[in-house]
C-alpha cells in the first residue's frame, strides 16, 4: 500500500513538471512571435539577400544561321568559236578592268573575211550611187536602182556579220574583277565552250544563308548581319540583307536570304563557310536585369527592388532575353537595385541586407543577420 502511494505521488510531480515546462515554452514562443514581424525575421534584423543594380546596355533579337560566301559577280569564260590561243592577256589571280582582253584567239581567217566584206561593200556603194545617178537623169530604170540599193544593204550586213564573227575570237572581261587560274595555254587549240578562266568580283561580296520559315515575319531588307569565318576566327564582318527569296524551300521549310558585305581588303573569298548572326530587332539602351530577379506572382511579373534597405515589389513588363539577362520595358529605371537571390524570403517592406554573390571572388560565408538599424 505504501509503495502504491509513493508511486502515485511521483507521477503527480512529473505531471506538474511537464505542464510547467509546456507553459514556459508556450510563453516563450508567444513572446518571440510578438517580437517578430509578420512572416519575417525577428524585429530589428535584416534578411540577407543578393542584389545588383540594373544594367543599361544593348540587347538584340538575333537569328543564328550558317551560309556560304558568293561572288558579287562571277563568270567562267568560254570561247564561242573553236580556235588556237594566240595570246593570254592576264596574270593569274590579278585584278582586271572591264573590257580588258583576256584571251585572243588566232583571228587571221575572220580578219580576211572582214576585209573581203568591206571590199564588196565599197563596190556595192559605188554601184548604188551610179544607179541612182542614171535613174535621176532618166538613163536608168527603177529596177536597176532598186537592185543596186538592195546589194548595198546586203554588203553592209555582210560587213557587220564579219565584224561580229571576228569579235568572237577575243574574250574580254565583262566587269571589274579578279581573274582566277587559267585552264589553257598559249598555242593550245580550244573548242567551243571549253573552260579557260574564271573572273570573280568580290568587293562587295555576297552571302547566302537560310532561316527557318517561322522567322519569315521578322525578316526585312536592310537588316544588319554579323559574319564570322574560320579563316579569320578573331575577326567579324558586318553587312546587310538586300534580298529575300519570295518562295520557301518546301523540302527544308526554310527561306533563302542574301546579304552583301563590304570587302575592300579582299579577305573574304567566294565559297567560304560563314556563321551568321542576323539582327532582327535591336534596343541600344535597354534596361536589363538578371533572369533570377524575375518573380512570377498571381499572373503578374514582379521584381523585388531595394528601396532604402527594404524590399519593395514592383510589377514589370518584360522584353527581349539574351545570355541570362532580361529586358525590362517598364517598371524600372537606371540606378534601381533589384534582388537576384533570396527574394522569396523577403516580404514586402521587410528589411534586407545585401551580401556578396555566393560565386563572387573573395566572398566568404554569408554574414549573420545584423540589426537593421546598425
Protein backbone atom coordinates (compact mmCIF):
# COMPACT_ATOMS: atom_id res chain seq x y z
CA UNK A 1 0.00 0.00 0.00
CA UNK A 2 2.81 2.37 0.91
CA UNK A 3 4.53 1.63 -2.43
CA UNK A 4 1.37 2.49 -4.33
CA UNK A 5 1.07 5.84 -2.55
CA UNK A 6 4.72 6.68 -3.31
CA UNK A 7 4.24 5.82 -6.98
CA UNK A 8 1.17 7.99 -7.30
CA UNK A 9 2.98 10.90 -5.68
CA UNK A 10 5.87 10.55 -8.14
CA UNK A 11 3.51 10.56 -11.11
CA UNK A 12 1.87 13.74 -9.82
CA UNK A 13 5.20 15.51 -9.57
CA UNK A 14 6.14 14.51 -13.15
CA UNK A 15 2.81 15.71 -14.49
CA UNK A 16 3.15 19.04 -12.76
CA UNK A 17 6.68 19.46 -14.12
CA UNK A 18 5.55 18.66 -17.67
CA UNK A 19 2.72 21.18 -17.51
CA UNK A 20 5.09 23.82 -16.22
CA UNK A 21 7.63 23.12 -18.97
CA UNK A 22 4.91 23.34 -21.64
CA UNK A 23 3.64 26.63 -20.23
CA UNK A 24 7.19 28.02 -20.24
CA UNK A 25 7.81 27.06 -23.88
CA UNK A 26 4.44 28.40 -24.99
CA UNK A 27 5.07 31.71 -23.28
CA UNK A 28 8.50 31.92 -24.91
CA UNK A 29 7.02 31.18 -28.35
CA UNK A 30 4.31 33.80 -28.00
CA UNK A 31 6.85 36.35 -26.88
CA UNK A 32 9.02 35.59 -29.90
CA UNK A 33 6.03 35.92 -32.24
CA UNK A 34 5.14 39.23 -30.68
CA UNK A 35 8.65 40.48 -31.38
CA UNK A 36 8.72 39.05 -34.93
CA UNK A 37 7.41 40.90 -37.98
CA UNK A 38 4.66 39.13 -39.96
CA UNK A 39 6.37 36.38 -41.95
CA UNK A 40 9.86 37.84 -41.39
CA UNK A 41 12.81 37.52 -39.05
CA UNK A 42 12.85 38.85 -35.51
CA UNK A 43 12.19 42.57 -35.32
CA UNK A 44 15.33 44.63 -35.77
CA UNK A 45 17.09 42.16 -38.09
CA UNK A 46 17.55 42.26 -41.92
CA UNK A 47 17.16 39.34 -44.32
CA UNK A 48 20.40 38.57 -46.20
CA UNK A 49 19.85 38.79 -49.99
CA UNK A 50 21.92 39.16 -53.13
CA UNK A 51 21.20 42.25 -55.24
CA UNK A 52 22.68 44.29 -58.02
CA UNK A 53 21.84 47.47 -59.93
CA UNK A 54 20.05 47.27 -63.27
CA UNK A 55 22.23 47.39 -66.37
CA UNK A 56 21.81 49.81 -69.28
CA UNK A 57 23.18 48.09 -72.37
CA UNK A 58 22.41 46.97 -75.89
CA UNK A 59 20.23 43.93 -76.42
CA UNK A 60 19.05 42.48 -79.70
CA UNK A 61 16.81 39.76 -81.02
CA UNK A 62 19.01 37.65 -83.27
CA UNK A 63 18.75 34.63 -85.54
CA UNK A 64 21.72 32.29 -85.89
CA UNK A 65 22.38 30.66 -89.25
CA UNK A 66 25.12 29.30 -91.47
CA UNK A 67 25.77 30.26 -95.05
CA UNK A 68 28.19 30.43 -97.96
CA UNK A 69 30.00 33.41 -99.41
CA UNK A 70 29.47 34.08 -103.11
CA UNK A 71 30.98 36.47 -105.62
CA UNK A 72 29.10 39.64 -106.33
CA UNK A 73 29.53 38.74 -110.00
CA UNK A 74 31.07 35.55 -111.35
CA UNK A 75 31.68 34.23 -114.86
CA UNK A 76 33.60 31.34 -116.38
CA UNK A 77 35.00 32.46 -119.72
CA UNK A 78 34.44 30.04 -122.61
CA UNK A 79 35.00 30.71 -126.33
CA UNK A 80 32.02 30.75 -128.69
CA UNK A 81 34.21 29.60 -131.59
CA UNK A 82 36.94 27.00 -131.89
CA UNK A 83 40.48 28.18 -132.49
CA UNK A 84 44.09 28.35 -131.39
CA UNK A 85 45.02 30.64 -128.49
CA UNK A 86 47.28 33.35 -129.84
CA UNK A 87 47.74 35.38 -126.64
CA UNK A 88 46.90 35.32 -122.91
CA UNK A 89 46.36 38.91 -121.73
CA UNK A 90 46.31 38.50 -117.94
CA UNK A 91 48.32 37.22 -114.99
CA UNK A 92 46.53 34.69 -112.83
CA UNK A 93 44.99 35.98 -109.62
CA UNK A 94 45.29 39.66 -110.55
CA UNK A 95 42.61 42.34 -110.84
CA UNK A 96 41.47 43.45 -114.29
CA UNK A 97 39.19 46.17 -115.57
CA UNK A 98 36.04 45.69 -117.62
CA UNK A 99 36.87 45.49 -121.34
CA UNK A 100 40.39 44.10 -120.85
CA UNK A 101 41.27 41.50 -123.49
CA UNK A 102 41.91 38.32 -121.55
CA UNK A 103 42.29 35.76 -124.34
CA UNK A 104 42.99 36.35 -128.03
CA UNK A 105 42.40 33.51 -130.47
CA UNK A 106 44.04 33.30 -133.87
CA UNK A 107 41.77 35.52 -135.99
CA UNK A 108 43.61 35.58 -139.31
CA UNK A 109 40.75 33.92 -141.20
CA UNK A 110 37.92 36.10 -139.84
CA UNK A 111 40.04 39.20 -140.46
CA UNK A 112 40.41 38.20 -144.09
CA UNK A 113 36.67 37.59 -144.29
CA UNK A 114 36.06 41.07 -142.89
CA UNK A 115 38.41 42.62 -145.47
CA UNK A 116 36.58 40.80 -148.25
CA UNK A 117 33.21 42.00 -146.95
CA UNK A 118 34.45 45.58 -146.73
CA UNK A 119 35.68 45.41 -150.35
CA UNK A 120 32.30 44.13 -151.51
CA UNK A 121 30.66 46.93 -149.56
CA UNK A 122 32.78 49.54 -151.31
CA UNK A 123 31.78 48.11 -154.70
CA UNK A 124 28.11 47.98 -153.71
CA UNK A 125 28.19 51.62 -152.64
CA UNK A 126 29.70 52.67 -155.98
CA UNK A 127 27.10 50.65 -157.93
CA UNK A 128 24.26 52.08 -155.89
CA UNK A 129 25.50 55.65 -156.42
CA UNK A 130 25.86 55.08 -160.19
CA UNK A 131 22.40 53.53 -160.48
CA UNK A 132 20.86 56.41 -158.60
CA UNK A 133 22.59 58.94 -160.84
CA UNK A 134 21.45 57.18 -164.04
CA UNK A 135 17.89 56.98 -162.73
CA UNK A 136 17.92 60.68 -161.92
CA UNK A 137 18.98 61.52 -165.47
CA UNK A 138 16.40 59.14 -166.92
CA UNK A 139 19.08 56.86 -168.35
CA UNK A 140 18.46 54.02 -165.92
CA UNK A 141 15.49 52.06 -164.78
CA UNK A 142 13.98 51.99 -161.33
CA UNK A 143 14.58 48.23 -161.20
CA UNK A 144 18.32 48.68 -161.65
CA UNK A 145 18.35 51.35 -158.96
CA UNK A 146 16.44 49.10 -156.53
CA UNK A 147 18.73 46.16 -157.22
CA UNK A 148 21.81 48.28 -156.55
CA UNK A 149 20.29 49.58 -153.31
CA UNK A 150 19.49 46.02 -152.12
CA UNK A 151 23.01 44.87 -153.00
CA UNK A 152 24.39 47.76 -150.92
CA UNK A 153 22.32 46.76 -147.89
CA UNK A 154 23.43 43.14 -148.29
CA UNK A 155 27.06 44.20 -148.40
CA UNK A 156 26.60 46.33 -145.26
CA UNK A 157 25.05 43.37 -143.42
CA UNK A 158 27.92 41.15 -144.56
CA UNK A 159 30.43 43.59 -143.04
CA UNK A 160 28.52 43.65 -139.75
CA UNK A 161 28.43 39.87 -139.73
CA UNK A 162 32.16 39.61 -140.42
CA UNK A 163 32.93 42.06 -137.62
CA UNK A 164 30.73 40.16 -135.18
CA UNK A 165 32.41 36.90 -136.15
CA UNK A 166 35.82 38.48 -135.67
CA UNK A 167 34.82 39.68 -132.20
CA UNK A 168 34.14 36.08 -131.11
CA UNK A 169 37.88 35.42 -131.30
CA UNK A 170 38.54 37.89 -128.49
CA UNK A 171 37.46 37.22 -124.89
CA UNK A 172 37.19 40.37 -122.79
CA UNK A 173 36.36 40.98 -119.11
CA UNK A 174 32.64 41.82 -118.78
CA UNK A 175 33.19 43.59 -115.43
CA UNK A 176 35.91 44.64 -112.99
CA UNK A 177 37.17 41.67 -111.02
CA UNK A 178 39.96 39.23 -110.26
CA UNK A 179 40.87 36.52 -112.73
CA UNK A 180 41.38 33.02 -111.43
CA UNK A 181 43.64 30.21 -112.56
CA UNK A 182 43.67 29.61 -116.29
CA UNK A 183 42.92 26.21 -117.73
CA UNK A 184 44.60 26.69 -121.11
CA UNK A 185 47.95 27.84 -122.51
CA UNK A 186 49.06 29.94 -125.49
CA UNK A 187 49.15 27.87 -128.69
CA UNK A 188 46.54 25.43 -127.40
CA UNK A 189 43.55 24.67 -129.60
CA UNK A 190 40.30 25.16 -127.72
CA UNK A 191 36.84 24.01 -128.68
CA UNK A 192 33.55 25.82 -128.38
CA UNK A 193 32.54 26.09 -124.73
CA UNK A 194 35.88 24.92 -123.32
CA UNK A 195 36.67 26.47 -119.92
CA UNK A 196 39.57 28.90 -120.00
CA UNK A 197 39.48 31.11 -116.87
CA UNK A 198 37.05 32.37 -114.24
CA UNK A 199 36.52 36.01 -113.33
CA UNK A 200 35.21 36.99 -109.85
CA UNK A 201 34.03 40.33 -108.49
CA UNK A 202 34.39 40.15 -104.68
CA UNK A 203 34.01 43.74 -103.46
CA UNK A 204 31.35 43.79 -102.25
CA UNK A 205 30.82 40.08 -101.66
CA UNK A 206 27.51 38.27 -101.27
CA UNK A 207 26.39 35.88 -98.57
CA UNK A 208 23.59 33.35 -98.99
CA UNK A 209 22.02 31.64 -95.98
CA UNK A 210 18.71 30.12 -94.90
CA UNK A 211 16.48 30.75 -91.90
CA UNK A 212 13.51 28.70 -90.64
CA UNK A 213 10.16 29.58 -92.12
CA UNK A 214 8.86 30.64 -88.69
CA UNK A 215 11.28 33.60 -88.88
CA UNK A 216 9.66 34.96 -92.06
CA UNK A 217 7.54 37.64 -90.31
CA UNK A 218 10.69 39.13 -88.76
CA UNK A 219 12.74 39.33 -91.99
CA UNK A 220 13.29 42.72 -93.59
CA UNK A 221 15.55 44.08 -96.33
CA UNK A 222 18.24 46.24 -94.75
CA UNK A 223 18.61 44.21 -91.53
CA UNK A 224 22.17 44.02 -90.19
CA UNK A 225 24.19 40.80 -90.11
CA UNK A 226 27.44 39.86 -88.43
CA UNK A 227 29.58 37.17 -90.06
CA UNK A 228 32.48 35.06 -88.85
CA UNK A 229 34.58 32.71 -90.97
CA UNK A 230 37.04 30.05 -89.88
CA UNK A 231 39.83 31.67 -91.89
CA UNK A 232 39.74 34.71 -89.57
CA UNK A 233 38.47 33.43 -86.19
CA UNK A 234 39.34 36.67 -84.37
CA UNK A 235 37.50 38.98 -86.77
CA UNK A 236 33.89 39.64 -87.57
CA UNK A 237 32.43 41.25 -90.69
CA UNK A 238 29.21 43.21 -90.99
CA UNK A 239 26.76 43.61 -93.83
CA UNK A 240 23.06 43.89 -94.53
CA UNK A 241 20.27 41.91 -96.12
CA UNK A 242 19.41 43.02 -99.65
CA UNK A 243 17.12 40.26 -100.93
CA UNK A 244 14.70 37.65 -99.55
CA UNK A 245 13.55 34.76 -101.71
CA UNK A 246 9.78 35.06 -102.26
CA UNK A 247 9.41 31.26 -102.29
CA UNK A 248 10.12 28.96 -99.35
CA UNK A 249 12.00 25.71 -99.77
CA UNK A 250 9.34 23.00 -99.49
CA UNK A 251 11.89 20.32 -98.61
CA UNK A 252 13.72 22.17 -95.85
CA UNK A 253 10.93 24.54 -94.78
CA UNK A 254 13.34 27.45 -94.91
CA UNK A 255 13.71 30.86 -96.53
CA UNK A 256 16.75 31.81 -98.62
CA UNK A 257 18.23 35.19 -97.74
CA UNK A 258 21.03 37.10 -99.45
CA UNK A 259 23.17 39.80 -97.91
CA UNK A 260 26.07 41.90 -99.10
CA UNK A 261 29.27 42.69 -97.19
CA UNK A 262 31.95 45.28 -97.96
CA UNK A 263 35.23 43.55 -98.79
CA UNK A 264 37.78 46.26 -99.67
CA UNK A 265 40.75 44.23 -98.40
CA UNK A 266 39.69 41.13 -100.30
CA UNK A 267 39.88 38.98 -97.17
CA UNK A 268 36.59 37.22 -97.81
CA UNK A 269 36.55 34.79 -100.70
CA UNK A 270 33.72 33.00 -102.50
CA UNK A 271 32.94 29.55 -101.19
CA UNK A 272 33.94 30.17 -97.56
CA UNK A 273 31.69 28.77 -94.84
CA UNK A 274 30.17 31.54 -92.72
CA UNK A 275 28.46 31.70 -89.34
CA UNK A 276 25.77 34.35 -89.48
CA UNK A 277 24.06 36.40 -86.79
CA UNK A 278 21.03 38.20 -88.21
CA UNK A 279 19.84 41.10 -86.06
CA UNK A 280 16.05 41.18 -86.26
CA UNK A 281 15.43 43.85 -83.61
CA UNK A 282 17.80 45.96 -81.53
CA UNK A 283 17.50 48.09 -78.39
CA UNK A 284 20.72 50.13 -77.95
CA UNK A 285 19.98 51.34 -74.39
CA UNK A 286 17.78 48.71 -72.78
CA UNK A 287 17.17 48.27 -69.04
CA UNK A 288 18.44 44.78 -68.21
CA UNK A 289 18.17 42.60 -65.10
CA UNK A 290 19.29 39.01 -64.46
CA UNK A 291 16.66 36.33 -65.09
CA UNK A 292 16.97 35.31 -61.43
CA UNK A 293 15.43 38.64 -60.42
CA UNK A 294 12.10 37.82 -62.09
CA UNK A 295 9.32 36.56 -59.79
CA UNK A 296 6.00 35.33 -61.31
CA UNK A 297 3.18 36.03 -58.85
CA UNK A 298 -0.56 35.72 -59.38
CA UNK A 299 -0.46 36.16 -63.14
CA UNK A 300 1.88 39.14 -62.84
CA UNK A 301 5.63 39.53 -63.25
CA UNK A 302 7.41 41.20 -60.33
CA UNK A 303 10.90 42.12 -59.25
CA UNK A 304 11.92 42.94 -55.69
CA UNK A 305 13.58 46.34 -55.66
CA UNK A 306 15.71 47.51 -52.75
CA UNK A 307 14.49 50.91 -51.57
CA UNK A 308 16.17 52.43 -48.50
CA UNK A 309 17.19 48.99 -47.23
CA UNK A 310 13.77 47.40 -47.66
CA UNK A 311 12.24 45.06 -50.23
CA UNK A 312 9.65 46.64 -52.48
CA UNK A 313 7.79 44.53 -55.11
CA UNK A 314 7.49 46.25 -58.49
CA UNK A 315 5.37 44.96 -61.43
CA UNK A 316 7.37 44.97 -64.65
CA UNK A 317 6.88 44.37 -68.37
CA UNK A 318 9.50 42.19 -70.00
CA UNK A 319 11.01 42.34 -73.47
CA UNK A 320 13.95 40.54 -75.06
CA UNK A 321 16.06 37.86 -73.36
CA UNK A 322 19.70 37.07 -74.04
CA UNK A 323 22.56 35.39 -72.15
CA UNK A 324 20.75 35.22 -68.84
CA UNK A 325 19.57 38.84 -68.99
CA UNK A 326 16.03 40.14 -69.49
CA UNK A 327 14.94 43.50 -70.86
CA UNK A 328 12.53 45.41 -68.61
CA UNK A 329 10.35 47.65 -70.76
CA UNK A 330 8.52 49.32 -67.88
CA UNK A 331 8.78 49.35 -64.11
CA UNK A 332 12.48 50.02 -63.58
CA UNK A 333 14.94 52.76 -64.40
CA UNK A 334 18.67 53.36 -64.35
CA UNK A 335 20.06 53.27 -60.82
CA UNK A 336 17.47 50.86 -59.37
CA UNK A 337 18.79 47.90 -57.38
CA UNK A 338 16.96 44.57 -57.66
CA UNK A 339 17.22 41.42 -55.55
CA UNK A 340 18.62 38.49 -57.51
CA UNK A 341 18.67 35.82 -54.78
CA UNK A 342 16.72 35.47 -51.55
CA UNK A 343 13.68 37.44 -52.67
CA UNK A 344 11.33 34.59 -51.72
CA UNK A 345 12.24 35.16 -48.07
CA UNK A 346 11.76 38.92 -48.21
CA UNK A 347 8.21 40.03 -47.64
CA UNK A 348 7.11 43.46 -48.94
CA UNK A 349 8.59 46.12 -46.72
CA UNK A 350 10.98 43.72 -44.98
CA UNK A 351 14.45 44.99 -44.13
CA UNK A 352 17.16 43.38 -46.29
CA UNK A 353 20.92 43.26 -46.08
CA UNK A 354 22.79 42.90 -49.41
CA UNK A 355 25.58 40.32 -49.30
CA UNK A 356 28.13 39.44 -51.97
CA UNK A 357 27.03 36.81 -54.52
CA UNK A 358 27.90 33.27 -53.49
CA UNK A 359 30.17 32.84 -56.50
CA UNK A 360 31.89 36.21 -56.24
CA UNK A 361 35.67 36.23 -55.87
CA UNK A 362 36.85 36.86 -52.33
CA UNK A 363 33.40 36.33 -50.83
CA UNK A 364 33.33 34.37 -47.63
CA UNK A 365 30.44 32.67 -45.90
CA UNK A 366 27.22 34.74 -45.67
CA UNK A 367 27.16 37.22 -42.85
CA UNK A 368 24.85 36.57 -39.92
CA UNK A 369 21.70 38.70 -39.90
CA UNK A 370 22.51 42.09 -38.42
CA UNK A 371 20.25 44.68 -36.83
CA UNK A 372 18.52 46.79 -39.47
CA UNK A 373 19.49 49.97 -37.70
CA UNK A 374 23.14 49.03 -37.30
